[in-house]
Protein backbone atom coordinates (compact mmCIF):
# COMPACT_ATOMS: atom_id res chain seq x y z
CA MET A 1 16.55 -30.29 2.86
CA ASN A 2 14.19 -27.88 1.45
CA LYS A 3 14.21 -24.07 2.86
CA ILE A 4 11.25 -22.60 4.00
CA ASN A 5 10.81 -18.98 5.04
CA TYR A 6 9.93 -18.75 8.75
CA GLY A 7 10.93 -15.56 9.32
CA SER A 8 14.57 -15.96 10.61
CA ARG A 9 15.32 -12.02 10.17
CA ALA A 10 11.91 -10.69 10.58
CA ARG A 11 8.04 -11.20 10.87
CA LEU A 12 5.62 -8.68 9.25
CA GLY A 13 2.04 -8.85 10.61
CA VAL A 14 -0.52 -7.40 8.22
CA LEU A 15 -4.26 -6.47 8.63
CA LEU A 16 -5.85 -6.80 5.09
CA PRO A 17 -9.48 -6.08 3.75
CA SER A 18 -11.33 -9.42 3.62
CA GLY A 19 -11.63 -9.02 -0.31
CA ASN A 20 -7.87 -8.49 -0.96
CA GLN A 21 -6.35 -11.15 -3.52
CA ALA A 22 -3.30 -9.02 -4.67
CA ALA A 23 -1.28 -8.01 -1.39
CA GLU A 24 -0.14 -11.43 -0.08
CA PRO A 25 1.10 -12.80 -3.73
CA GLN A 26 2.79 -9.32 -4.18
CA PHE A 27 4.36 -9.04 -0.69
CA ASN A 28 5.64 -12.61 -0.85
CA ALA A 29 7.08 -11.94 -4.41
CA MET A 30 8.95 -8.96 -3.02
CA LEU A 31 10.02 -9.66 0.68
CA PRO A 32 13.68 -10.77 0.84
CA ALA A 33 14.58 -14.24 2.10
CA GLY A 34 14.03 -14.11 5.88
CA VAL A 35 11.18 -12.21 6.21
CA ALA A 36 7.81 -13.79 6.55
CA LEU A 37 4.42 -12.43 6.21
CA HIS A 38 1.57 -13.13 8.58
CA THR A 39 -1.78 -11.81 7.73
CA THR A 40 -5.42 -11.56 8.98
CA ARG A 41 -8.42 -9.94 7.55
CA LEU A 42 -11.01 -7.21 8.42
CA LYS A 43 -14.39 -6.98 6.62
CA LEU A 44 -14.09 -4.82 3.45
CA ARG A 45 -15.35 -5.93 0.14
CA GLY A 46 -17.07 -2.85 -1.44
CA SER A 47 -15.96 0.86 -1.50
CA SER A 48 -18.92 2.70 0.02
CA ASP A 49 -17.95 5.33 2.84
CA LYS A 50 -19.89 2.92 5.12
CA GLU A 51 -17.86 -0.19 4.40
CA LEU A 52 -14.82 1.85 4.54
CA LEU A 53 -15.31 3.00 7.92
CA ALA A 54 -16.61 -0.37 9.32
CA MET A 55 -13.19 -1.81 8.46
CA ALA A 56 -11.53 0.13 11.29
CA ASP A 57 -14.17 -1.17 13.85
CA GLY A 58 -12.76 -4.64 14.44
CA VAL A 59 -8.90 -3.34 14.67
CA GLU A 60 -8.26 -4.31 17.95
CA ASP A 61 -9.25 -7.86 17.58
CA ALA A 62 -7.63 -8.55 14.22
CA ALA A 63 -4.43 -6.93 15.62
CA ARG A 64 -4.41 -9.08 18.82
CA LEU A 65 -4.84 -12.15 16.41
CA VAL A 66 -1.80 -11.37 14.03
CA ALA A 67 0.34 -10.26 17.26
CA ASP A 68 0.18 -13.98 18.18
CA THR A 69 2.54 -14.74 15.26
CA ASP A 70 5.20 -12.30 17.34
CA PRO A 71 5.61 -9.60 14.55
CA ASN A 72 8.30 -6.87 14.51
CA LEU A 73 6.01 -4.79 13.17
CA VAL A 74 2.20 -4.79 12.41
CA LEU A 75 0.68 -2.97 9.25
CA PHE A 76 -3.13 -1.95 8.61
CA HIS A 77 -2.96 -2.18 5.10
CA CYS A 78 -6.04 -0.61 3.15
CA THR A 79 -5.15 2.77 1.11
CA ALA A 80 -8.71 3.80 1.24
CA VAL A 81 -9.36 3.73 4.76
CA SER A 82 -5.87 4.93 6.22
CA THR A 83 -6.12 8.03 3.80
CA TYR A 84 -9.73 8.67 4.92
CA SER A 85 -8.73 11.34 7.21
CA GLU A 86 -5.43 12.03 9.36
CA GLU A 87 -7.46 11.57 12.43
CA LEU A 88 -8.61 7.96 11.44
CA GLU A 89 -4.98 7.00 10.33
CA GLN A 90 -3.51 8.02 13.81
CA SER A 91 -6.41 6.31 15.69
CA ILE A 92 -5.94 2.85 13.85
CA LYS A 93 -2.05 3.12 14.43
CA SER A 94 -2.55 4.07 18.09
CA ARG A 95 -5.23 1.18 18.71
CA ILE A 96 -3.09 -1.46 17.03
CA ALA A 97 0.10 -0.47 19.08
CA LYS A 98 -2.01 -0.45 22.08
CA SER A 99 -3.77 -3.78 21.75
CA THR A 100 -0.76 -5.51 20.51
CA GLY A 101 2.37 -3.80 22.46
CA ARG A 102 3.99 -3.88 18.93
CA PRO A 103 4.88 -1.01 16.65
CA ALA A 104 2.25 -0.21 14.18
CA THR A 105 2.12 1.56 10.71
CA ALA A 106 -0.35 2.05 7.82
CA THR A 107 -0.44 2.24 4.15
CA SER A 108 -1.00 5.90 3.94
CA GLU A 109 2.26 6.51 6.11
CA ALA A 110 4.29 3.90 3.82
CA ILE A 111 3.24 5.94 0.72
CA VAL A 112 4.27 9.28 2.21
CA ALA A 113 7.66 7.93 3.47
CA ALA A 114 8.23 6.36 -0.06
CA LEU A 115 7.42 9.64 -2.02
CA ARG A 116 9.53 11.76 0.33
CA ALA A 117 12.33 9.31 -0.02
CA LEU A 118 12.16 9.52 -3.85
CA GLY A 119 12.03 13.28 -3.52
CA ALA A 120 8.77 13.63 -5.05
CA LYS A 121 6.68 16.62 -4.57
CA ARG A 122 4.11 16.67 -7.57
CA LEU A 123 2.12 13.69 -8.29
CA VAL A 124 -0.25 11.87 -10.87
CA MET A 125 -2.35 9.58 -8.63
CA LEU A 126 -4.22 6.97 -10.37
CA SER A 127 -6.64 4.57 -8.68
CA PRO A 128 -9.42 1.94 -9.13
CA TYR A 129 -11.79 4.24 -6.91
CA ASN A 130 -14.68 6.36 -7.28
CA GLU A 131 -14.60 10.16 -7.62
CA VAL A 132 -15.62 10.97 -4.10
CA THR A 133 -12.66 8.45 -2.65
CA ASN A 134 -10.10 9.69 -5.02
CA ALA A 135 -10.77 13.41 -3.94
CA ARG A 136 -10.55 12.47 -0.03
CA GLU A 137 -7.36 10.61 -0.79
CA GLY A 138 -6.02 13.45 -2.96
CA LYS A 139 -6.90 15.73 -0.10
CA TYR A 140 -4.80 13.67 2.50
CA PHE A 141 -1.75 13.62 0.45
CA GLU A 142 -2.18 17.54 -0.31
CA GLY A 143 -2.31 17.62 3.41
CA ALA A 144 0.97 15.70 3.54
CA GLY A 145 2.77 18.24 1.24
CA PHE A 146 2.23 16.80 -2.16
CA GLU A 147 0.86 18.71 -5.26
CA ILE A 148 -1.65 16.71 -7.00
CA LEU A 149 -1.46 17.23 -10.93
CA ASP A 150 -3.92 14.67 -11.96
CA CYS A 151 -6.06 12.39 -9.68
CA ALA A 152 -8.34 9.58 -11.82
CA GLY A 153 -10.08 6.65 -11.05
CA LEU A 154 -11.53 3.47 -12.71
CA SER A 155 -14.94 3.62 -10.30
CA CYS A 156 -14.60 0.05 -9.53
CA PRO A 157 -17.33 -0.93 -7.36
CA ASP A 158 -15.65 -3.76 -5.20
CA ALA A 159 -12.55 -5.94 -4.87
CA PRO A 160 -13.52 -8.45 -7.69
CA ALA A 161 -13.72 -5.53 -10.13
CA MET A 162 -10.42 -4.02 -8.75
CA MET A 163 -8.92 -7.44 -9.45
CA ALA A 164 -10.13 -7.70 -12.61
CA VAL A 165 -8.07 -4.83 -13.86
CA THR A 166 -5.29 -6.36 -15.83
CA PRO A 167 -1.52 -5.03 -15.22
CA GLU A 168 -1.61 -4.09 -19.10
CA LYS A 169 -4.87 -1.82 -18.29
CA TRP A 170 -2.59 -0.02 -15.61
CA ARG A 171 0.23 0.42 -17.95
CA SER A 172 -1.76 1.96 -20.67
CA TYR A 173 -3.77 3.98 -18.21
CA ALA A 174 -0.81 5.52 -16.49
CA ILE A 175 0.76 6.31 -20.03
CA GLU A 176 -2.65 7.81 -20.78
CA HIS A 177 -2.30 10.27 -17.87
CA ARG A 178 1.38 11.12 -18.38
CA ASN A 179 2.38 14.70 -17.04
CA ALA A 180 5.67 16.18 -17.93
CA ARG A 181 5.47 18.29 -14.47
CA ALA A 182 5.16 14.92 -12.38
CA ASP A 183 7.93 13.97 -10.16
CA ALA A 184 6.35 10.29 -9.55
CA TYR A 185 3.38 8.34 -10.18
CA LEU A 186 1.22 6.89 -7.52
CA LEU A 187 -0.85 3.81 -8.50
CA SER A 188 -3.06 3.59 -5.52
CA CYS A 189 -4.90 0.61 -3.66
CA THR A 190 -3.79 -2.50 -2.09
CA THR A 191 -6.13 -4.81 -4.02
CA VAL A 192 -4.67 -4.30 -7.75
CA ARG A 193 -2.35 -5.94 -10.10
CA SER A 194 0.00 -2.89 -10.59
CA SER A 195 3.11 -3.73 -9.08
CA GLU A 196 4.13 -5.79 -11.65
CA VAL A 197 4.51 -3.14 -14.26
CA ALA A 198 5.91 -0.38 -12.08
CA GLU A 199 9.10 -0.90 -13.48
CA GLU A 200 8.39 -1.10 -16.91
CA LEU A 201 6.18 2.05 -16.35
CA GLU A 202 9.19 3.75 -15.07
CA ALA A 203 11.00 3.29 -18.44
CA SER A 204 8.08 4.56 -20.35
CA LEU A 205 7.34 7.54 -18.09
CA GLY A 206 10.81 8.55 -17.18
CA ARG A 207 9.64 9.00 -13.36
CA PRO A 208 9.40 7.01 -10.47
CA VAL A 209 6.35 4.71 -10.06
CA VAL A 210 5.00 3.91 -6.81
CA THR A 211 2.34 1.44 -5.92
CA SER A 212 0.56 1.08 -2.38
CA ASN A 213 2.07 -2.46 -2.20
CA THR A 214 5.65 -1.58 -3.21
CA ALA A 215 5.45 1.51 -0.66
CA ALA A 216 4.37 -0.68 2.00
CA VAL A 217 6.95 -3.28 1.53
CA TRP A 218 9.99 -0.75 1.21
CA HIS A 219 8.63 1.02 4.25
CA CYS A 220 7.91 -2.03 6.51
CA LEU A 221 11.24 -3.33 5.59
CA ARG A 222 13.12 -0.12 6.49
CA THR A 223 11.23 0.35 9.63
CA MET A 224 12.14 -3.23 10.66
CA GLY A 225 15.50 -2.57 10.08
CA ILE A 226 16.00 -4.73 6.73
CA ALA A 227 18.03 -2.46 4.14
CA ASP A 228 17.97 -5.40 1.18
CA ARG A 229 17.75 -3.89 -2.38
CA VAL A 230 14.73 -5.81 -4.21
CA THR A 231 14.59 -5.66 -7.84
CA GLY A 232 12.08 -5.89 -10.57
CA TYR A 233 9.40 -3.46 -8.91
CA GLY A 234 10.88 -0.33 -9.43
CA LYS A 235 13.27 2.41 -8.28
CA LEU A 236 11.91 2.67 -4.63
CA LEU A 237 12.70 -0.95 -3.70
CA ALA A 238 15.80 -1.06 -5.60
CA GLN A 239 17.41 1.57 -3.45
CA HIS A 240 19.15 1.26 -0.08
């Protein structure tokens, strides 16, 4: 008999940007046996401020849909929206929890928890975003107590352009931005192919490398009480 993962240990509900092609494949590769993924989407394909803020408008309806799968936790999974401001982050989490009766978290919270678990204080932050989004995200992480040593982006205009950036490009981009003072490197954005090179980059840079998706998987697993070590995606997921 073939074994199918129906979530015998835990079920994770995720609200994704509609243009995201990366998160589900990466989550399914990283989630341990018995932890199932259930997703629904909110409209977001571009990267303008108007589009980012509009993604949050339909949170309640999308959260109620994914809640029908009886998840243990609901994740709002968009880095640029969840780091837009602390006020928006908290509002989104509160609205999800209120409309579903389920615990809620966000990518922003996951990244902060992951970096703190690694003992990182000084960061190099790289993304596919434009300068405005990068500056706002850097301010969010500074507000969480981190020092941003370098903040650089590729100015991709939309989700297809973000997905078009190869893992090899992320590897070379991170190496170009090597900083001897960095405690960790953050490859931001849920819609990019960077998680597959995190472990290789750690060997090259000599520092932990966290992506939005590795941070989210680690944080959600630990929040749901799943302590499995996941290898192949960097130090964060490989630790208890």
